[in-house]
Amino acid sequence: MAKSYRLIVRVKEIRGKCPVFKVGDKIVIESPHIIPKETDALCVHALGSMLSMITALSHGISFEELGLAHEKGDIGYVQCLDPGPPYTLGGTVIFEIRRER
């Protein structure tokens, strides 16, 4: 059986206004499951921005190889698809993804 990793996705920064998240909120993923009891909030914009990366990260592909970090390690970054002002009323959320063994 392939090794899988738990992912902790934490809101690092919000540029503009986000109606869903606040700084420090987290999403916990044990692929293919999102763990509701440990997840503060979830948004389709946020999920869309990281969905293509979740499976690869859960199975050990490096953050650096996926372009989510500039050095080796178990931390990378993605951002929400909502561009925020002046284009929308929302805001862009920067997420830090941490992988746990």
C-alpha atoms as a PDB file:
ATOM      1  CA  MET A   1       0.000   0.000   0.000  1.00  0.00           C
ATOM      2  CA  ALA A   2       1.324   3.459  -0.907  1.00  0.00           C
ATOM      3  CA  LYS A   3       2.328   5.807   1.889  1.00  0.00           C
ATOM      4  CA  SER A   4       0.009   8.752   2.353  1.00  0.00           C
ATOM      5  CA  TYR A   5       0.392  11.981   4.279  1.00  0.00           C
ATOM      6  CA  ARG A   6      -1.993  14.126   6.280  1.00  0.00           C
ATOM      7  CA  LEU A   7      -2.252  17.720   5.019  1.00  0.00           C
ATOM      8  CA  ILE A   8      -2.962  20.711   7.247  1.00  0.00           C
ATOM      9  CA  VAL A   9      -4.048  23.709   5.163  1.00  0.00           C
ATOM     10  CA  ARG A  10      -3.975  26.939   7.193  1.00  0.00           C
ATOM     11  CA  VAL A  11      -5.072  30.461   6.236  1.00  0.00           C
ATOM     12  CA  LYS A  12      -1.850  32.485   6.300  1.00  0.00           C
ATOM     13  CA  GLU A  13      -3.057  35.818   4.889  1.00  0.00           C
ATOM     14  CA  ILE A  14      -6.192  37.444   3.469  1.00  0.00           C
ATOM     15  CA  ARG A  15      -5.922  40.207   0.857  1.00  0.00           C
ATOM     16  CA  GLY A  16      -9.254  42.003   0.682  1.00  0.00           C
ATOM     17  CA  LYS A  17     -12.315  40.531   2.407  1.00  0.00           C
ATOM     18  CA  CYS A  18     -13.129  36.849   2.649  1.00  0.00           C
ATOM     19  CA  PRO A  19     -16.671  35.907   3.683  1.00  0.00           C
ATOM     20  CA  VAL A  20     -15.602  32.361   4.649  1.00  0.00           C
ATOM     21  CA  PHE A  21     -12.163  32.308   6.282  1.00  0.00           C
ATOM     22  CA  LYS A  22     -10.243  34.194   8.925  1.00  0.00           C
ATOM     23  CA  VAL A  23      -6.468  34.072   9.441  1.00  0.00           C
ATOM     24  CA  GLY A  24      -5.522  30.875  11.267  1.00  0.00           C
ATOM     25  CA  ASP A  25      -8.472  28.775  10.042  1.00  0.00           C
ATOM     26  CA  LYS A  26      -7.537  25.297   8.898  1.00  0.00           C
ATOM     27  CA  ILE A  27      -8.659  22.481   6.626  1.00  0.00           C
ATOM     28  CA  VAL A  28      -7.449  18.982   7.512  1.00  0.00           C
ATOM     29  CA  ILE A  29      -7.136  16.429   4.720  1.00  0.00           C
ATOM     30  CA  GLU A  30      -6.391  12.734   4.939  1.00  0.00           C
ATOM     31  CA  SER A  31      -6.780  12.001   1.252  1.00  0.00           C
ATOM     32  CA  PRO A  32      -9.326  11.383  -0.078  1.00  0.00           C
ATOM     33  CA  HIS A  33     -11.158  12.676   3.013  1.00  0.00           C
ATOM     34  CA  ILE A  34     -11.565  16.167   4.388  1.00  0.00           C
ATOM     35  CA  ILE A  35     -11.824  15.751   8.169  1.00  0.00           C
ATOM     36  CA  PRO A  36     -14.880  17.868   9.154  1.00  0.00           C
ATOM     37  CA  LYS A  37     -14.291  17.693  12.933  1.00  0.00           C
ATOM     38  CA  GLU A  38     -10.843  19.280  12.491  1.00  0.00           C
ATOM     39  CA  THR A  39     -11.766  21.726   9.699  1.00  0.00           C
ATOM     40  CA  ASP A  40     -12.820  25.284  10.562  1.00  0.00           C
ATOM     41  CA  ALA A  41     -14.342  26.262   7.208  1.00  0.00           C
ATOM     42  CA  LEU A  42     -14.411  25.228   3.558  1.00  0.00           C
ATOM     43  CA  CYS A  43     -15.010  27.220   0.388  1.00  0.00           C
ATOM     44  CA  VAL A  44     -15.383  26.054  -3.220  1.00  0.00           C
ATOM     45  CA  HIS A  45     -12.998  28.794  -4.428  1.00  0.00           C
ATOM     46  CA  ALA A  46     -10.337  27.601  -1.996  1.00  0.00           C
ATOM     47  CA  LEU A  47     -10.904  23.937  -2.723  1.00  0.00           C
ATOM     48  CA  GLY A  48     -10.705  24.628  -6.459  1.00  0.00           C
ATOM     49  CA  SER A  49      -7.349  26.328  -6.082  1.00  0.00           C
ATOM     50  CA  MET A  50      -5.708  23.357  -4.391  1.00  0.00           C
ATOM     51  CA  LEU A  51      -7.682  20.331  -5.554  1.00  0.00           C
ATOM     52  CA  SER A  52      -5.284  19.329  -8.327  1.00  0.00           C
ATOM     53  CA  MET A  53      -2.366  19.358  -5.848  1.00  0.00           C
ATOM     54  CA  ILE A  54      -3.953  17.502  -2.907  1.00  0.00           C
ATOM     55  CA  THR A  55      -3.549  13.948  -4.231  1.00  0.00           C
ATOM     56  CA  ALA A  56       0.046  14.478  -5.349  1.00  0.00           C
ATOM     57  CA  LEU A  57       1.023  16.084  -2.035  1.00  0.00           C
ATOM     58  CA  SER A  58      -0.767  13.358  -0.086  1.00  0.00           C
ATOM     59  CA  HIS A  59       1.358  10.767  -1.828  1.00  0.00           C
ATOM     60  CA  GLY A  60       4.714  12.422  -1.304  1.00  0.00           C
ATOM     61  CA  ILE A  61       5.322  14.522  -4.425  1.00  0.00           C
ATOM     62  CA  SER A  62       7.432  17.491  -3.313  1.00  0.00           C
ATOM     63  CA  PHE A  63       6.071  20.996  -2.885  1.00  0.00           C
ATOM     64  CA  GLU A  64       9.109  22.246  -4.789  1.00  0.00           C
ATOM     65  CA  GLU A  65       8.429  19.934  -7.750  1.00  0.00           C
ATOM     66  CA  LEU A  66       4.817  21.161  -7.929  1.00  0.00           C
ATOM     67  CA  GLY A  67       5.939  24.811  -7.852  1.00  0.00           C
ATOM     68  CA  LEU A  68       4.419  25.476  -4.412  1.00  0.00           C
ATOM     69  CA  ALA A  69       7.716  26.195  -2.632  1.00  0.00           C
ATOM     70  CA  HIS A  70      11.176  27.370  -3.597  1.00  0.00           C
ATOM     71  CA  GLU A  71      13.024  24.887  -1.418  1.00  0.00           C
ATOM     72  CA  LYS A  72      12.707  21.303  -0.222  1.00  0.00           C
ATOM     73  CA  GLY A  73      10.516  20.618   2.780  1.00  0.00           C
ATOM     74  CA  ASP A  74       6.998  19.812   3.885  1.00  0.00           C
ATOM     75  CA  ILE A  75       5.475  23.292   3.522  1.00  0.00           C
ATOM     76  CA  GLY A  76       4.072  24.995   0.423  1.00  0.00           C
ATOM     77  CA  TYR A  77       1.666  27.751  -0.561  1.00  0.00           C
ATOM     78  CA  VAL A  78      -1.407  28.246  -2.781  1.00  0.00           C
ATOM     79  CA  GLN A  79      -3.951  31.014  -3.076  1.00  0.00           C
ATOM     80  CA  CYS A  80      -7.674  31.295  -3.593  1.00  0.00           C
ATOM     81  CA  LEU A  81      -9.091  31.794  -7.082  1.00  0.00           C
ATOM     82  CA  ASP A  82     -11.033  34.949  -6.090  1.00  0.00           C
ATOM     83  CA  PRO A  83      -8.955  37.936  -7.294  1.00  0.00           C
ATOM     84  CA  GLY A  84     -10.669  40.465  -5.004  1.00  0.00           C
ATOM     85  CA  PRO A  85     -10.993  44.207  -5.691  1.00  0.00           C
ATOM     86  CA  PRO A  86     -11.377  45.791  -8.132  1.00  0.00           C
ATOM     87  CA  TYR A  87     -12.594  42.640  -9.893  1.00  0.00           C
ATOM     88  CA  THR A  88     -14.797  41.082  -7.196  1.00  0.00           C
ATOM     89  CA  LEU A  89     -16.142  42.024  -3.773  1.00  0.00           C
ATOM     90  CA  GLY A  90     -14.211  39.196  -2.123  1.00  0.00           C
ATOM     91  CA  GLY A  91     -10.529  38.697  -1.562  1.00  0.00           C
ATOM     92  CA  THR A  92      -7.611  36.408  -2.159  1.00  0.00           C
ATOM     93  CA  VAL A  93      -6.643  34.024   0.621  1.00  0.00           C
ATOM     94  CA  ILE A  94      -3.081  32.708   0.889  1.00  0.00           C
ATOM     95  CA  PHE A  95      -2.925  29.163   2.281  1.00  0.00           C
ATOM     96  CA  GLU A  96       0.034  27.401   3.833  1.00  0.00           C
ATOM     97  CA  ILE A  97      -0.076  23.628   3.307  1.00  0.00           C
ATOM     98  CA  ARG A  98       1.900  21.554   5.785  1.00  0.00           C
ATOM     99  CA  ARG A  99       2.416  17.847   5.268  1.00  0.00           C
ATOM    100  CA  GLU A 100       2.588  15.503   8.269  1.00  0.00           C
ATOM    101  CA  ARG A 101       3.993  12.007   8.086  1.00  0.00           C
END
